[in-house]
Amino acid sequence: MDVMTAVLTRRSEHTLRAPAPDDEEFAYLLRGASLAPDHGRLRPWRWILLRSGERAELGLRIAEESGADAAATEALRDKYQRAPLSAALVFAPRGQRIPEWEQLAAASCVAHALMLLLHAREYGSIWRTGQLATSPGVGRFLGLRGSERLLGVLDIGTPEAGTAQRRRVPDDVSATITRFDDLARHRPDTAPQAEDG
């Protein structure tokens, strides 16, 4: 699958079944994704893979924090078992030499590259954030350290058979592009100065 096809046909897949990549295949794909832009090659991220009952713990931690009743707790437990593999992306800033915002951008880039590589291998994925990413209980369960924070969880598996990979039609984004020479003509500080005399 060429890159443009991957970009135009990738979707967030809400229904995911086995198989998912095993640890070896995930590591292989992550090696490729890790070549995404990363100023200083700091790799300011780490991934935690959750399978089987480990995924249910995510929902149980959130239920505990929110004071959910038994039915809501069961629903949250089930919610986080919707895919055979959940890959938690931990942002782990490394030092002050590269600004933190750039390190965060690098972590985001590696996640997107991984999603495209998964799609090219006919796996599906969906990015999960919300309460999951901000829950102190989930952070403790995952063993976050120091300045680390959970950016989200990538649910991974195989999409349901027959899921169409229709090409999306990209929006017209030309209004978001400005040529600098057009911009400069309208800025008072760059306009030609009239000569005295």
N, C-alpha and C. Protein backbone atom coordinates (compact mmCIF):
# COMPACT_ATOMS: atom_id res chain seq x y z
N MET A 1 0.85 -1.18 0.00
CA MET A 1 0.00 0.00 0.00
C MET A 1 0.89 1.24 0.00
N ASP A 2 0.67 2.15 -0.96
CA ASP A 2 1.48 3.37 -0.98
C ASP A 2 1.01 4.32 0.12
N VAL A 3 1.84 5.30 0.43
CA VAL A 3 1.59 6.17 1.59
C VAL A 3 0.29 6.95 1.42
N MET A 4 0.05 7.53 0.23
CA MET A 4 -1.18 8.32 0.04
C MET A 4 -2.41 7.44 0.20
N THR A 5 -2.38 6.21 -0.30
CA THR A 5 -3.51 5.30 -0.13
C THR A 5 -3.73 5.02 1.35
N ALA A 6 -2.65 4.81 2.09
CA ALA A 6 -2.78 4.56 3.53
C ALA A 6 -3.42 5.75 4.23
N VAL A 7 -3.00 6.96 3.88
CA VAL A 7 -3.55 8.16 4.51
C VAL A 7 -5.03 8.32 4.16
N LEU A 8 -5.38 8.09 2.90
CA LEU A 8 -6.76 8.33 2.45
C LEU A 8 -7.73 7.24 2.87
N THR A 9 -7.24 6.05 3.20
CA THR A 9 -8.15 4.94 3.53
C THR A 9 -8.14 4.56 5.00
N ARG A 10 -7.21 5.10 5.79
CA ARG A 10 -7.19 4.78 7.22
C ARG A 10 -8.42 5.36 7.91
N ARG A 11 -9.02 4.59 8.79
CA ARG A 11 -10.16 5.03 9.58
C ARG A 11 -9.94 4.64 11.03
N SER A 12 -10.60 5.31 11.92
CA SER A 12 -10.67 4.84 13.31
C SER A 12 -11.66 3.68 13.32
N GLU A 13 -11.19 2.51 13.68
CA GLU A 13 -12.01 1.30 13.66
C GLU A 13 -12.58 1.04 15.05
N HIS A 14 -13.90 1.10 15.16
CA HIS A 14 -14.55 0.95 16.47
C HIS A 14 -14.72 -0.50 16.87
N THR A 15 -14.77 -1.40 15.91
CA THR A 15 -14.93 -2.83 16.21
C THR A 15 -13.66 -3.55 15.76
N LEU A 16 -12.95 -4.10 16.73
CA LEU A 16 -11.67 -4.75 16.46
C LEU A 16 -11.67 -6.15 17.06
N ARG A 17 -11.23 -7.10 16.30
CA ARG A 17 -11.17 -8.50 16.72
C ARG A 17 -9.72 -8.98 16.67
N ALA A 18 -9.49 -10.19 17.21
CA ALA A 18 -8.20 -10.85 17.04
C ALA A 18 -8.08 -11.27 15.57
N PRO A 19 -6.87 -11.33 15.05
CA PRO A 19 -5.61 -11.12 15.77
C PRO A 19 -5.19 -9.64 15.80
N ALA A 20 -4.31 -9.39 16.75
CA ALA A 20 -3.58 -8.12 16.82
C ALA A 20 -2.10 -8.47 16.68
N PRO A 21 -1.26 -7.50 16.44
CA PRO A 21 0.17 -7.81 16.37
C PRO A 21 0.66 -8.42 17.69
N ASP A 22 1.53 -9.42 17.59
CA ASP A 22 2.17 -9.92 18.80
C ASP A 22 3.27 -8.93 19.18
N ASP A 23 3.95 -9.18 20.30
CA ASP A 23 4.95 -8.23 20.78
C ASP A 23 6.06 -8.01 19.76
N GLU A 24 6.46 -9.07 19.07
CA GLU A 24 7.55 -8.96 18.09
C GLU A 24 7.14 -8.10 16.90
N GLU A 25 5.92 -8.31 16.39
CA GLU A 25 5.46 -7.52 15.25
C GLU A 25 5.24 -6.06 15.67
N PHE A 26 4.70 -5.85 16.88
CA PHE A 26 4.52 -4.48 17.36
C PHE A 26 5.87 -3.76 17.41
N ALA A 27 6.89 -4.44 17.94
CA ALA A 27 8.22 -3.83 18.04
C ALA A 27 8.78 -3.52 16.65
N TYR A 28 8.53 -4.41 15.69
CA TYR A 28 8.99 -4.19 14.31
C TYR A 28 8.35 -2.93 13.73
N LEU A 29 7.04 -2.81 13.89
CA LEU A 29 6.33 -1.64 13.37
C LEU A 29 6.76 -0.36 14.10
N LEU A 30 6.99 -0.48 15.40
CA LEU A 30 7.42 0.70 16.16
C LEU A 30 8.81 1.16 15.73
N ARG A 31 9.67 0.23 15.36
CA ARG A 31 10.99 0.65 14.86
C ARG A 31 10.83 1.55 13.63
N GLY A 32 9.91 1.19 12.75
CA GLY A 32 9.64 2.04 11.59
C GLY A 32 9.02 3.36 12.00
N ALA A 33 8.03 3.32 12.88
CA ALA A 33 7.35 4.55 13.31
C ALA A 33 8.29 5.49 14.04
N SER A 34 9.32 4.94 14.69
CA SER A 34 10.24 5.77 15.47
C SER A 34 11.12 6.65 14.58
N LEU A 35 11.05 6.47 13.27
CA LEU A 35 11.78 7.33 12.35
C LEU A 35 11.01 8.61 12.05
N ALA A 36 9.84 8.78 12.66
CA ALA A 36 9.07 10.03 12.51
C ALA A 36 9.91 11.19 13.05
N PRO A 37 9.59 12.43 12.64
CA PRO A 37 10.37 13.58 13.09
C PRO A 37 10.51 13.61 14.62
N ASP A 38 11.75 13.80 15.07
CA ASP A 38 12.05 13.78 16.50
C ASP A 38 13.36 14.56 16.72
N HIS A 39 13.23 15.86 16.94
CA HIS A 39 14.39 16.73 17.11
C HIS A 39 15.27 16.21 18.25
N GLY A 40 16.52 15.92 17.93
CA GLY A 40 17.45 15.40 18.93
C GLY A 40 17.39 13.89 19.09
N ARG A 41 16.47 13.25 18.36
CA ARG A 41 16.28 11.79 18.47
C ARG A 41 16.22 11.34 19.93
N LEU A 42 15.40 12.04 20.69
CA LEU A 42 15.28 11.74 22.13
C LEU A 42 14.36 10.56 22.41
N ARG A 43 13.45 10.28 21.49
CA ARG A 43 12.41 9.27 21.72
C ARG A 43 11.74 9.51 23.07
N PRO A 44 11.04 10.65 23.20
CA PRO A 44 10.44 11.01 24.49
C PRO A 44 9.10 10.32 24.73
N TRP A 45 9.10 9.03 24.59
CA TRP A 45 7.88 8.24 24.73
C TRP A 45 8.25 6.81 25.06
N ARG A 46 7.28 6.12 25.60
CA ARG A 46 7.38 4.66 25.75
C ARG A 46 5.97 4.10 25.61
N TRP A 47 5.90 2.84 25.27
CA TRP A 47 4.61 2.17 25.05
C TRP A 47 4.45 1.06 26.07
N ILE A 48 3.24 0.91 26.57
CA ILE A 48 2.90 -0.19 27.49
C ILE A 48 1.81 -1.01 26.81
N LEU A 49 2.07 -2.29 26.58
CA LEU A 49 1.11 -3.15 25.89
C LEU A 49 0.24 -3.89 26.90
N LEU A 50 -1.07 -3.79 26.72
CA LEU A 50 -2.02 -4.46 27.60
C LEU A 50 -2.86 -5.44 26.79
N ARG A 51 -2.93 -6.65 27.30
CA ARG A 51 -3.72 -7.69 26.66
C ARG A 51 -4.59 -8.37 27.72
N SER A 52 -5.56 -9.12 27.29
CA SER A 52 -6.43 -9.90 28.18
C SER A 52 -7.01 -9.04 29.30
N GLY A 53 -6.98 -9.57 30.53
CA GLY A 53 -7.61 -8.89 31.66
C GLY A 53 -6.94 -7.59 32.06
N GLU A 54 -5.73 -7.39 31.62
CA GLU A 54 -5.03 -6.13 31.95
C GLU A 54 -5.81 -4.93 31.45
N ARG A 55 -6.48 -5.08 30.31
CA ARG A 55 -7.25 -3.97 29.74
C ARG A 55 -8.45 -3.63 30.60
N ALA A 56 -9.06 -4.63 31.23
CA ALA A 56 -10.22 -4.38 32.08
C ALA A 56 -9.86 -3.50 33.26
N GLU A 57 -8.63 -3.62 33.73
CA GLU A 57 -8.19 -2.80 34.87
C GLU A 57 -8.28 -1.31 34.59
N LEU A 58 -8.11 -0.92 33.34
CA LEU A 58 -8.23 0.50 33.00
C LEU A 58 -9.61 1.01 33.37
N GLY A 59 -10.63 0.27 32.94
CA GLY A 59 -12.01 0.66 33.25
C GLY A 59 -12.31 0.62 34.73
N LEU A 60 -11.78 -0.39 35.42
CA LEU A 60 -12.02 -0.50 36.87
C LEU A 60 -11.42 0.67 37.63
N ARG A 61 -10.26 1.14 37.22
CA ARG A 61 -9.64 2.30 37.88
C ARG A 61 -10.49 3.55 37.70
N ILE A 62 -11.00 3.75 36.49
CA ILE A 62 -11.85 4.91 36.22
C ILE A 62 -13.15 4.81 37.01
N ALA A 63 -13.73 3.61 37.07
CA ALA A 63 -14.97 3.41 37.82
C ALA A 63 -14.77 3.73 39.30
N GLU A 64 -13.65 3.30 39.83
CA GLU A 64 -13.34 3.54 41.24
C GLU A 64 -13.26 5.04 41.53
N GLU A 65 -12.60 5.77 40.65
CA GLU A 65 -12.44 7.22 40.84
C GLU A 65 -13.76 7.98 40.73
N SER A 66 -14.64 7.49 39.86
CA SER A 66 -15.89 8.22 39.64
C SER A 66 -17.02 7.76 40.55
N GLY A 67 -16.75 6.77 41.40
CA GLY A 67 -17.78 6.29 42.32
C GLY A 67 -18.91 5.59 41.60
N ALA A 68 -18.61 4.89 40.51
CA ALA A 68 -19.63 4.23 39.69
C ALA A 68 -20.30 3.09 40.47
N ASP A 69 -21.59 2.89 40.19
CA ASP A 69 -22.30 1.75 40.79
C ASP A 69 -21.88 0.47 40.06
N ALA A 70 -22.43 -0.66 40.49
CA ALA A 70 -22.00 -1.95 39.95
C ALA A 70 -22.23 -2.06 38.44
N ALA A 71 -23.39 -1.59 37.97
CA ALA A 71 -23.69 -1.68 36.53
C ALA A 71 -22.74 -0.82 35.72
N ALA A 72 -22.49 0.40 36.20
CA ALA A 72 -21.58 1.31 35.48
C ALA A 72 -20.15 0.77 35.52
N THR A 73 -19.77 0.17 36.64
CA THR A 73 -18.42 -0.42 36.75
C THR A 73 -18.25 -1.53 35.73
N GLU A 74 -19.27 -2.39 35.60
CA GLU A 74 -19.20 -3.48 34.63
C GLU A 74 -19.12 -2.94 33.20
N ALA A 75 -19.88 -1.87 32.93
CA ALA A 75 -19.86 -1.27 31.59
C ALA A 75 -18.47 -0.69 31.29
N LEU A 76 -17.85 -0.03 32.27
CA LEU A 76 -16.52 0.53 32.06
C LEU A 76 -15.48 -0.59 31.89
N ARG A 77 -15.65 -1.66 32.65
CA ARG A 77 -14.74 -2.80 32.52
C ARG A 77 -14.80 -3.36 31.09
N ASP A 78 -16.04 -3.51 30.57
CA ASP A 78 -16.21 -4.04 29.21
C ASP A 78 -15.70 -3.06 28.16
N LYS A 79 -15.90 -1.77 28.42
CA LYS A 79 -15.51 -0.74 27.45
C LYS A 79 -14.03 -0.82 27.09
N TYR A 80 -13.21 -1.15 28.06
CA TYR A 80 -11.77 -1.18 27.81
C TYR A 80 -11.27 -2.56 27.40
N GLN A 81 -12.21 -3.41 27.00
CA GLN A 81 -11.82 -4.71 26.44
C GLN A 81 -12.34 -4.87 25.02
N ARG A 82 -12.48 -3.74 24.33
CA ARG A 82 -13.06 -3.77 22.98
C ARG A 82 -12.07 -4.18 21.90
N ALA A 83 -10.81 -4.34 22.24
CA ALA A 83 -9.80 -4.70 21.24
C ALA A 83 -8.85 -5.72 21.86
N PRO A 84 -8.25 -6.58 21.06
CA PRO A 84 -7.33 -7.57 21.62
C PRO A 84 -6.02 -6.98 22.16
N LEU A 85 -5.66 -5.78 21.71
CA LEU A 85 -4.44 -5.14 22.18
C LEU A 85 -4.71 -3.67 22.43
N SER A 86 -4.31 -3.19 23.60
CA SER A 86 -4.35 -1.76 23.91
C SER A 86 -2.91 -1.33 24.17
N ALA A 87 -2.45 -0.36 23.40
CA ALA A 87 -1.07 0.13 23.52
C ALA A 87 -1.12 1.54 24.10
N ALA A 88 -0.68 1.67 25.34
CA ALA A 88 -0.71 2.96 26.02
C ALA A 88 0.54 3.76 25.66
N LEU A 89 0.33 4.98 25.18
CA LEU A 89 1.45 5.85 24.80
C LEU A 89 1.74 6.80 25.96
N VAL A 90 2.93 6.64 26.54
CA VAL A 90 3.37 7.47 27.67
C VAL A 90 4.34 8.51 27.15
N PHE A 91 4.02 9.77 27.40
CA PHE A 91 4.93 10.86 27.06
C PHE A 91 5.95 10.97 28.17
N ALA A 92 7.22 10.84 27.80
CA ALA A 92 8.31 10.82 28.78
C ALA A 92 9.36 11.87 28.38
N PRO A 93 9.11 13.15 28.75
CA PRO A 93 10.06 14.20 28.33
C PRO A 93 11.46 13.92 28.83
N ARG A 94 12.45 14.25 27.99
CA ARG A 94 13.85 13.95 28.29
C ARG A 94 14.66 15.24 28.30
N GLY A 95 14.88 15.79 29.48
CA GLY A 95 15.75 16.95 29.64
C GLY A 95 15.14 18.23 29.12
N GLN A 96 15.95 19.29 29.16
CA GLN A 96 15.49 20.63 28.79
C GLN A 96 16.08 21.12 27.48
N ARG A 97 17.03 20.39 26.89
CA ARG A 97 17.72 20.87 25.69
C ARG A 97 16.73 21.10 24.54
N ILE A 98 15.80 20.19 24.35
CA ILE A 98 14.76 20.32 23.33
C ILE A 98 13.48 20.73 24.06
N PRO A 99 12.82 21.81 23.63
CA PRO A 99 11.61 22.26 24.33
C PRO A 99 10.58 21.13 24.45
N GLU A 100 9.84 21.15 25.56
CA GLU A 100 8.88 20.08 25.80
C GLU A 100 7.82 19.99 24.70
N TRP A 101 7.41 21.15 24.16
CA TRP A 101 6.38 21.10 23.12
C TRP A 101 6.88 20.33 21.89
N GLU A 102 8.18 20.43 21.59
CA GLU A 102 8.73 19.69 20.46
C GLU A 102 8.78 18.19 20.76
N GLN A 103 9.07 17.87 22.00
CA GLN A 103 9.08 16.46 22.39
C GLN A 103 7.67 15.87 22.33
N LEU A 104 6.69 16.66 22.74
CA LEU A 104 5.30 16.21 22.65
C LEU A 104 4.90 16.00 21.19
N ALA A 105 5.34 16.90 20.32
CA ALA A 105 5.06 16.75 18.89
C ALA A 105 5.69 15.46 18.35
N ALA A 106 6.89 15.12 18.81
CA ALA A 106 7.56 13.89 18.37
C ALA A 106 6.77 12.66 18.80
N ALA A 107 6.25 12.68 20.03
CA ALA A 107 5.45 11.55 20.51
C ALA A 107 4.17 11.41 19.69
N SER A 108 3.57 12.54 19.33
CA SER A 108 2.36 12.50 18.50
C SER A 108 2.67 11.96 17.10
N CYS A 109 3.80 12.37 16.56
CA CYS A 109 4.20 11.90 15.22
C CYS A 109 4.41 10.39 15.20
N VAL A 110 5.03 9.85 16.23
CA VAL A 110 5.28 8.41 16.24
C VAL A 110 3.96 7.65 16.33
N ALA A 111 2.98 8.18 17.04
CA ALA A 111 1.67 7.53 17.13
C ALA A 111 0.99 7.50 15.76
N HIS A 112 1.03 8.61 15.05
CA HIS A 112 0.40 8.66 13.73
C HIS A 112 1.11 7.73 12.75
N ALA A 113 2.43 7.74 12.77
CA ALA A 113 3.18 6.85 11.88
C ALA A 113 2.83 5.38 12.18
N LEU A 114 2.71 5.05 13.46
CA LEU A 114 2.37 3.67 13.83
C LEU A 114 0.98 3.30 13.32
N MET A 115 0.03 4.23 13.41
CA MET A 115 -1.33 3.95 12.92
C MET A 115 -1.32 3.67 11.41
N LEU A 116 -0.53 4.43 10.66
CA LEU A 116 -0.45 4.19 9.22
C LEU A 116 0.22 2.85 8.90
N LEU A 117 1.25 2.50 9.66
CA LEU A 117 1.92 1.21 9.44
C LEU A 117 1.01 0.04 9.80
N LEU A 118 0.24 0.18 10.87
CA LEU A 118 -0.74 -0.85 11.23
C LEU A 118 -1.76 -1.02 10.11
N HIS A 119 -2.26 0.10 9.61
CA HIS A 119 -3.26 0.06 8.54
C HIS A 119 -2.70 -0.62 7.28
N ALA A 120 -1.45 -0.31 6.96
CA ALA A 120 -0.82 -0.93 5.79
C ALA A 120 -0.70 -2.44 5.93
N ARG A 121 -0.69 -2.92 7.17
CA ARG A 121 -0.64 -4.37 7.44
C ARG A 121 -2.03 -4.97 7.64
N GLU A 122 -3.06 -4.15 7.36
CA GLU A 122 -4.47 -4.57 7.47
C GLU A 122 -4.94 -4.75 8.90
N TYR A 123 -4.27 -4.11 9.83
CA TYR A 123 -4.80 -3.99 11.19
C TYR A 123 -5.59 -2.71 11.27
N GLY A 124 -6.51 -2.67 12.22
CA GLY A 124 -7.24 -1.45 12.50
C GLY A 124 -6.81 -0.90 13.84
N SER A 125 -7.08 0.39 14.04
CA SER A 125 -6.76 1.00 15.33
C SER A 125 -7.69 2.18 15.57
N ILE A 126 -7.77 2.57 16.83
CA ILE A 126 -8.52 3.75 17.21
C ILE A 126 -7.85 4.37 18.43
N TRP A 127 -7.75 5.68 18.41
CA TRP A 127 -7.07 6.43 19.47
C TRP A 127 -8.09 6.76 20.56
N ARG A 128 -7.77 6.39 21.80
CA ARG A 128 -8.67 6.62 22.95
C ARG A 128 -8.00 7.58 23.92
N THR A 129 -8.75 8.62 24.31
CA THR A 129 -8.20 9.60 25.26
C THR A 129 -9.23 9.84 26.36
N GLY A 130 -9.65 11.08 26.53
CA GLY A 130 -10.67 11.41 27.52
C GLY A 130 -10.20 11.12 28.94
N GLN A 131 -11.13 10.62 29.76
CA GLN A 131 -10.85 10.35 31.16
C GLN A 131 -9.71 9.36 31.34
N LEU A 132 -9.58 8.48 30.39
CA LEU A 132 -8.50 7.49 30.43
C LEU A 132 -7.14 8.16 30.53
N ALA A 133 -6.94 9.24 29.77
CA ALA A 133 -5.63 9.89 29.71
C ALA A 133 -5.34 10.76 30.92
N THR A 134 -6.38 11.13 31.68
CA THR A 134 -6.17 12.04 32.82
C THR A 134 -6.37 11.37 34.17
N SER A 135 -6.71 10.10 34.18
CA SER A 135 -7.02 9.40 35.42
C SER A 135 -5.77 9.12 36.25
N PRO A 136 -5.71 9.62 37.49
CA PRO A 136 -4.57 9.30 38.37
C PRO A 136 -4.47 7.80 38.64
N GLY A 137 -5.62 7.13 38.77
CA GLY A 137 -5.61 5.69 39.04
C GLY A 137 -5.02 4.90 37.89
N VAL A 138 -5.36 5.30 36.67
CA VAL A 138 -4.78 4.64 35.49
C VAL A 138 -3.28 4.89 35.45
N GLY A 139 -2.88 6.13 35.75
CA GLY A 139 -1.45 6.46 35.78
C GLY A 139 -0.68 5.61 36.76
N ARG A 140 -1.27 5.41 37.96
CA ARG A 140 -0.61 4.55 38.97
C ARG A 140 -0.55 3.11 38.50
N PHE A 141 -1.66 2.63 37.91
CA PHE A 141 -1.71 1.25 37.42
C PHE A 141 -0.63 1.01 36.36
N LEU A 142 -0.42 2.02 35.50
CA LEU A 142 0.58 1.88 34.43
C LEU A 142 1.99 2.18 34.90
N GLY A 143 2.14 2.66 36.12
CA GLY A 143 3.47 2.92 36.67
C GLY A 143 4.14 4.15 36.10
N LEU A 144 3.34 5.20 35.83
CA LEU A 144 3.94 6.44 35.32
C LEU A 144 4.90 7.01 36.36
N ARG A 145 6.01 7.58 35.85
CA ARG A 145 7.07 8.06 36.74
C ARG A 145 7.32 9.55 36.51
N GLY A 146 7.59 10.28 37.57
CA GLY A 146 8.03 11.67 37.48
C GLY A 146 7.13 12.52 36.60
N SER A 147 7.73 13.09 35.54
CA SER A 147 7.00 14.01 34.66
C SER A 147 6.26 13.29 33.54
N GLU A 148 6.25 11.97 33.55
CA GLU A 148 5.54 11.23 32.50
C GLU A 148 4.04 11.49 32.58
N ARG A 149 3.40 11.43 31.40
CA ARG A 149 1.93 11.47 31.39
C ARG A 149 1.41 10.61 30.24
N LEU A 150 0.24 10.08 30.47
CA LEU A 150 -0.40 9.23 29.47
C LEU A 150 -1.05 10.11 28.42
N LEU A 151 -0.68 9.93 27.15
CA LEU A 151 -1.30 10.71 26.08
C LEU A 151 -2.59 10.05 25.60
N GLY A 152 -2.65 8.75 25.68
CA GLY A 152 -3.83 8.03 25.23
C GLY A 152 -3.49 6.57 25.04
N VAL A 153 -4.49 5.82 24.62
CA VAL A 153 -4.33 4.38 24.37
C VAL A 153 -4.76 4.10 22.94
N LEU A 154 -3.92 3.38 22.23
CA LEU A 154 -4.23 2.97 20.87
C LEU A 154 -4.78 1.54 20.92
N ASP A 155 -6.09 1.40 20.66
CA ASP A 155 -6.69 0.06 20.57
C ASP A 155 -6.37 -0.50 19.19
N ILE A 156 -5.92 -1.75 19.16
CA ILE A 156 -5.42 -2.35 17.92
C ILE A 156 -6.02 -3.75 17.75
N GLY A 157 -6.37 -4.09 16.54
CA GLY A 157 -6.86 -5.43 16.23
C GLY A 157 -7.14 -5.53 14.74
N THR A 158 -7.98 -6.47 14.39
CA THR A 158 -8.37 -6.68 13.00
C THR A 158 -9.79 -6.16 12.81
N PRO A 159 -10.00 -5.28 11.82
CA PRO A 159 -11.36 -4.77 11.59
C PRO A 159 -12.30 -5.90 11.18
N GLU A 160 -13.59 -5.67 11.37
CA GLU A 160 -14.58 -6.65 10.96
C GLU A 160 -14.46 -6.90 9.46
N ALA A 161 -14.69 -8.14 9.07
CA ALA A 161 -14.65 -8.50 7.65
C ALA A 161 -15.65 -7.65 6.87
N GLY A 162 -15.23 -7.22 5.71
CA GLY A 162 -16.13 -6.43 4.87
C GLY A 162 -16.10 -4.95 5.16
N THR A 163 -15.28 -4.53 6.13
CA THR A 163 -15.17 -3.10 6.39
C THR A 163 -14.54 -2.44 5.18
N ALA A 164 -15.28 -1.53 4.59
CA ALA A 164 -14.80 -0.89 3.36
C ALA A 164 -13.65 0.07 3.66
N GLN A 165 -12.68 0.06 2.80
CA GLN A 165 -11.57 1.02 2.91
C GLN A 165 -11.71 2.04 1.78
N ARG A 166 -12.87 2.73 1.80
CA ARG A 166 -13.10 3.73 0.78
C ARG A 166 -12.11 4.88 0.94
N ARG A 167 -11.67 5.40 -0.16
CA ARG A 167 -10.77 6.56 -0.13
C ARG A 167 -11.58 7.78 0.29
N ARG A 168 -11.08 8.50 1.27
CA ARG A 168 -11.72 9.75 1.65
C ARG A 168 -11.35 10.83 0.65
N VAL A 169 -12.24 11.76 0.46
CA VAL A 169 -11.94 12.92 -0.37
C VAL A 169 -11.41 14.00 0.56
N PRO A 170 -10.16 14.40 0.40
CA PRO A 170 -9.61 15.41 1.30
C PRO A 170 -10.34 16.74 1.17
N ASP A 171 -10.49 17.43 2.30
CA ASP A 171 -11.08 18.76 2.28
C ASP A 171 -10.17 19.73 1.54
N ASP A 172 -10.77 20.78 1.02
CA ASP A 172 -9.98 21.85 0.41
C ASP A 172 -9.37 22.68 1.54
N VAL A 173 -8.07 22.64 1.65
CA VAL A 173 -7.38 23.36 2.73
C VAL A 173 -6.57 24.53 2.19
N SER A 174 -6.85 24.93 0.96
CA SER A 174 -6.06 26.00 0.35
C SER A 174 -6.16 27.31 1.13
N ALA A 175 -7.27 27.53 1.84
CA ALA A 175 -7.43 28.77 2.61
C ALA A 175 -6.47 28.83 3.80
N THR A 176 -5.86 27.70 4.15
CA THR A 176 -4.92 27.68 5.28
C THR A 176 -3.48 27.93 4.83
N ILE A 177 -3.30 28.19 3.54
CA ILE A 177 -1.95 28.39 2.99
C ILE A 177 -1.82 29.84 2.53
N THR A 178 -0.76 30.48 2.98
CA THR A 178 -0.49 31.86 2.57
C THR A 178 0.94 31.92 2.05
N ARG A 179 1.11 32.51 0.90
CA ARG A 179 2.47 32.74 0.39
C ARG A 179 3.06 33.91 1.16
N PHE A 180 4.30 33.80 1.57
CA PHE A 180 4.91 34.86 2.37
C PHE A 180 4.95 36.18 1.61
N ASP A 181 5.22 36.14 0.30
CA ASP A 181 5.31 37.42 -0.42
C ASP A 181 3.97 38.15 -0.45
N ASP A 182 2.84 37.40 -0.46
CA ASP A 182 1.53 38.04 -0.35
C ASP A 182 1.33 38.63 1.04
N LEU A 183 1.74 37.90 2.02
CA LEU A 183 1.61 38.36 3.40
C LEU A 183 2.46 39.60 3.64
N ALA A 184 3.68 39.58 3.14
CA ALA A 184 4.61 40.69 3.37
C ALA A 184 4.11 41.99 2.75
N ARG A 185 3.43 41.91 1.60
CA ARG A 185 2.92 43.11 0.94
C ARG A 185 1.92 43.87 1.80
N HIS A 186 1.25 43.15 2.70
CA HIS A 186 0.19 43.76 3.50
C HIS A 186 0.64 44.10 4.93
N ARG A 187 1.90 43.87 5.24
CA ARG A 187 2.39 44.19 6.58
C ARG A 187 3.02 45.57 6.56
N PRO A 188 2.61 46.46 7.48
CA PRO A 188 3.15 47.82 7.47
C PRO A 188 4.66 47.86 7.67
N ASP A 189 5.21 46.92 8.44
CA ASP A 189 6.65 46.98 8.72
C ASP A 189 7.49 46.53 7.54
N THR A 190 6.86 45.92 6.50
CA THR A 190 7.63 45.48 5.33
C THR A 190 7.26 46.25 4.07
N ALA A 191 6.32 47.19 4.17
CA ALA A 191 5.91 47.97 3.00
C ALA A 191 7.07 48.89 2.58
N PRO A 192 7.23 49.13 1.28
CA PRO A 192 8.30 50.02 0.81
C PRO A 192 8.13 51.42 1.42
N GLN A 193 9.21 52.00 1.86
CA GLN A 193 9.17 53.32 2.47
C GLN A 193 9.33 54.40 1.39
N ALA A 194 8.51 55.46 1.50
CA ALA A 194 8.64 56.58 0.56
C ALA A 194 9.91 57.36 0.88
N GLU A 195 10.62 57.74 -0.13
CA GLU A 195 11.86 58.50 0.07
C GLU A 195 11.53 59.95 0.37
N ASP A 196 12.31 60.54 1.30
CA ASP A 196 12.14 61.98 1.60
C ASP A 196 12.65 62.78 0.42
N GLY A 197 12.08 63.93 0.20
CA GLY A 197 12.67 64.80 -0.79
C GLY A 197 11.74 65.37 -1.70
